[in-house]
Protein backbone atom coordinates (compact mmCIF):
# COMPACT_ATOMS: atom_id res chain seq x y z
CA MET A 1 0.39 -168.80 -153.56
CA ALA A 2 1.63 -172.33 -153.48
CA GLU A 3 5.08 -173.16 -152.31
CA VAL A 4 7.33 -174.64 -154.97
CA SER A 5 10.62 -176.35 -154.39
CA ILE A 6 13.63 -175.12 -156.30
CA ASP A 7 13.74 -178.43 -158.18
CA ASN A 8 10.22 -177.86 -159.58
CA LEU A 9 10.59 -174.13 -160.23
CA ALA A 10 11.38 -174.43 -163.94
CA SER A 11 8.48 -176.78 -164.62
CA GLU A 12 6.06 -174.55 -162.68
CA ILE A 13 7.20 -171.49 -164.62
CA ALA A 14 6.78 -173.39 -167.90
CA LYS A 15 3.32 -174.54 -166.82
CA GLY A 16 2.30 -170.98 -165.93
CA LEU A 17 3.56 -169.63 -169.25
CA GLU A 18 1.69 -172.35 -171.14
CA GLU A 19 -1.57 -171.48 -169.33
CA TYR A 20 -1.02 -167.78 -170.06
CA THR A 21 -0.36 -168.54 -173.73
CA GLU A 22 -3.49 -170.66 -174.04
CA ASP A 23 -5.67 -168.01 -172.37
CA LEU A 24 -4.17 -165.26 -174.50
CA THR A 25 -4.65 -167.27 -177.70
CA LYS A 26 -8.35 -167.77 -176.89
CA GLU A 27 -8.76 -164.06 -176.22
CA ILE A 28 -6.97 -163.06 -179.41
CA LYS A 29 -9.15 -165.40 -181.48
CA ALA A 30 -12.27 -163.92 -179.89
CA THR A 31 -10.94 -160.43 -180.57
CA VAL A 32 -10.30 -161.27 -184.24
CA GLU A 33 -13.93 -162.35 -184.59
CA GLU A 34 -15.27 -159.35 -182.68
CA VAL A 35 -13.23 -156.74 -184.55
CA SER A 36 -13.96 -158.18 -187.99
CA LYS A 37 -17.72 -158.09 -187.24
CA GLU A 38 -17.41 -154.47 -186.09
CA ALA A 39 -15.53 -153.59 -189.30
CA VAL A 40 -18.28 -155.18 -191.40
CA LYS A 41 -20.93 -153.13 -189.57
CA GLU A 42 -19.00 -149.92 -190.17
CA LEU A 43 -18.44 -150.72 -193.84
CA ASN A 44 -22.16 -151.43 -194.18
CA GLN A 45 -22.86 -147.93 -192.85
CA ASP A 46 -20.06 -145.96 -194.52
CA SER A 47 -19.91 -147.48 -198.01
CA PRO A 48 -21.16 -145.40 -200.94
CA LYS A 49 -24.84 -145.98 -201.54
CA ARG A 50 -26.63 -145.64 -204.83
CA THR A 51 -28.98 -148.60 -204.54
CA GLY A 52 -27.51 -149.86 -201.24
CA ALA A 53 -26.61 -153.31 -202.58
CA TYR A 54 -22.85 -152.65 -202.47
CA ALA A 55 -23.01 -151.45 -198.86
CA ARG A 56 -25.16 -154.39 -197.71
CA ASP A 57 -22.87 -157.06 -199.16
CA TRP A 58 -19.90 -156.68 -196.78
CA LYS A 59 -19.11 -160.00 -195.08
CA GLN A 60 -16.41 -161.49 -192.89
CA LYS A 61 -15.08 -164.98 -193.25
CA ASN A 62 -12.72 -167.17 -191.26
CA ARG A 63 -9.90 -167.84 -193.73
CA PHE A 64 -7.57 -169.81 -191.46
CA GLU A 65 -7.54 -171.13 -187.93
CA ASN A 66 -5.29 -173.48 -186.02
CA THR A 67 -4.41 -173.91 -182.36
CA ARG A 68 -2.22 -170.78 -182.30
CA SER A 69 -3.77 -168.31 -184.75
CA LYS A 70 -6.83 -167.18 -186.63
CA ARG A 71 -7.28 -165.02 -189.73
CA ASN A 72 -10.52 -163.45 -190.86
CA THR A 73 -11.10 -161.59 -194.10
CA VAL A 74 -13.56 -158.75 -194.57
CA TYR A 75 -14.77 -158.60 -198.16
CA ASN A 76 -17.64 -157.56 -200.39
CA ALA A 77 -19.37 -160.78 -201.39
CA LYS A 78 -21.25 -159.77 -204.53
CA HIS A 79 -19.70 -156.50 -205.66
CA TYR A 80 -16.02 -157.21 -205.11
CA GLN A 81 -15.22 -155.73 -208.54
CA LEU A 82 -16.34 -152.29 -207.34
CA THR A 83 -14.20 -152.05 -204.21
CA HIS A 84 -11.05 -150.83 -205.99
CA LEU A 85 -12.97 -148.59 -208.40
CA LEU A 86 -14.89 -146.86 -205.62
CA GLU A 87 -11.95 -146.61 -203.24
CA TYR A 88 -9.50 -145.09 -205.77
CA GLY A 89 -11.68 -143.66 -208.55
CA HIS A 90 -11.57 -144.67 -212.21
CA ALA A 91 -11.85 -143.43 -215.79
CA SER A 92 -15.40 -142.72 -216.92
CA ARG A 93 -16.99 -143.73 -220.21
CA ASN A 94 -16.84 -140.26 -221.70
CA GLY A 95 -13.16 -139.62 -221.02
CA GLY A 96 -13.19 -138.01 -217.59
CA ARG A 97 -12.49 -139.43 -214.18
CA VAL A 98 -14.92 -140.63 -211.54
CA GLU A 99 -14.02 -139.26 -208.12
CA ALA A 100 -12.73 -141.69 -205.51
CA LYS A 101 -14.92 -142.41 -202.49
CA PRO A 102 -12.46 -143.73 -199.91
CA HIS A 103 -14.24 -145.89 -197.36
CA ILE A 104 -12.20 -149.08 -196.95
CA LYS A 105 -8.80 -147.68 -195.95
CA LYS A 106 -10.10 -145.64 -193.02
CA VAL A 107 -12.03 -148.64 -191.63
CA GLU A 108 -8.95 -150.84 -192.06
CA GLN A 109 -6.74 -148.37 -190.21
CA LYS A 110 -9.28 -147.78 -187.45
CA TYR A 111 -9.87 -151.46 -186.74
CA SER A 112 -6.18 -152.32 -186.91
CA GLU A 113 -5.67 -149.88 -184.05
CA VAL A 114 -8.79 -151.12 -182.22
CA PHE A 115 -7.55 -154.72 -182.51
CA GLU A 116 -4.12 -153.81 -181.19
CA LYS A 117 -5.55 -151.92 -178.20
CA LYS A 118 -7.98 -154.73 -177.32
CA VAL A 119 -5.27 -157.39 -177.50
CA LYS A 120 -2.95 -155.32 -175.29
CA ARG A 121 -5.72 -154.72 -172.76
CA ARG A 122 -6.72 -158.40 -172.67
CA ALA A 123 -3.09 -159.51 -172.37
CA GLU A 124 -2.68 -157.21 -169.37
CA GLU A 125 -5.90 -158.51 -167.82
CA ILE A 126 -4.76 -162.11 -168.22
CA GLY A 127 -1.34 -161.24 -166.86
CA ASN A 128 -2.98 -159.69 -163.81
CA GLY A 129 -5.19 -162.73 -163.30
CA ASN A 130 -8.44 -161.07 -164.42
CA SER A 131 -9.32 -163.40 -167.28
């Protein structure tokens, strides 16, 4: 612990908060990348498989990044037209309905929670000085 005069207290607090914010931002960006890759792996495994092409084509892409935030998108690169039809079901050619095979929503919910838990844990670690 360094001694700080009362005159420099505000600037030292601001400096500490800025360092914490920078460290946390780096960790959150890394977590975004990590969690989106995990979601892609799970979608590859859990997607409906007839030929396997739909399941193999899940990808993640960095859609936006600046100094403060990052957004990744998980999507099906080649069979994007099928995602809604498989997730929610659809009318068949001969008048019936094709049963839904939900696989996206559960992965989305799971990895939203995983992301939140990892960010909280990393924020606590940084706050405790264990970055």
